[in-house]
Amino acid sequence: MPRIYTGSDKRRPVATEETPGVDDRRAALTLRALRVRRRWRQKDLAARARVSREFVTKIESGRIESVSLNGLRKVAGALGGTVEVVIRLPGGEATRTLNAGHAAMHEAAARFFRGHNGWVTAPEVSFSIYGERGIIDIAAWHAETRTLLVVELKTVLVDVNDLMGSMDIRRRLAAQIVRTRSWSPRQVGVWVVVADTATNHRRLAEHATVLRGAFPVDGRGVRRWLGAPSGSIAALSFLSAATQGGGKHGFRAVGPVRNGRVGPATHE
């Protein structure tokens, strides 16, 4: 089921069975209203989205099931919105599966930090500062060097731009967020840990150039830095299924990201 978000949305709700998205008809009416507000004809929208006018007509008549998801995203993007997909399963199974995967990543990360001397961690650190609210999955503190590392765990990578924006917020507010713990960081780093799945690999490869600029350090670089933290860091790496299941393998590097693609992941 599609969910349509416009550029005016300040915060996107989490897509679960408990917060269902709009149905096809509502989605169609939303896109049509956005087009009319801009005083565009259907052919104007089609030209901007690089789809046919018939494609736009199908959407606005509520026949969304007969159009491609990629085309629907193009139309929504031309109107300043985005499309997300909600998968519903009986009894909230999808939500439980996601929560279980996230919990497994938390456990694997906790074991990882226990193997690095001088680091202590605090899970699920919530914050509300200057109207910005959220949760830091793991706040890791190295007292000797007064280094704070903000760790984000991702079972599924949905929106790369949203990821970069949210990590920038956490980096900027990190010192204030941990103030109640009597941590006074001299330097702050961020580390995005992504579940090692084919879908996440593909999504990262699609945005390799942007991600290389935002998170230039891979899994190998993180391990070296954790041993002797110096300066800030912005890293991204995969977490293998073997590690989440309690195996002996470590985090997997994202590449490095080069030449417009994500390089092969290798065990740490």
Foldseek 3Di string as FASTA:
>chain_A
DKAKFAQPDPDDDDFFPVDDHDAQQVQLVVLVVLCVVVVHDLCRLCVQLVHDSVLNVCSNVSVVVPDDPSSVQSSSVSSRMGMDDHDYDPPRPVVVVQVLLLVLVLVLVVVVVVVAPQKDKDAFQWDADPNDTDTQGIWIARVVQLEIEGEAEEADDDDPVVVLVVVVVCLVCVQVSCVVVVRHHPAYEYEYEYAPDPNRQVVCLQCLVVVCVSAVAWPVRVVVCSNPPDHYHHHYWYAYPCSSVVHDWGIWTQARRDDSGTHDTDTD
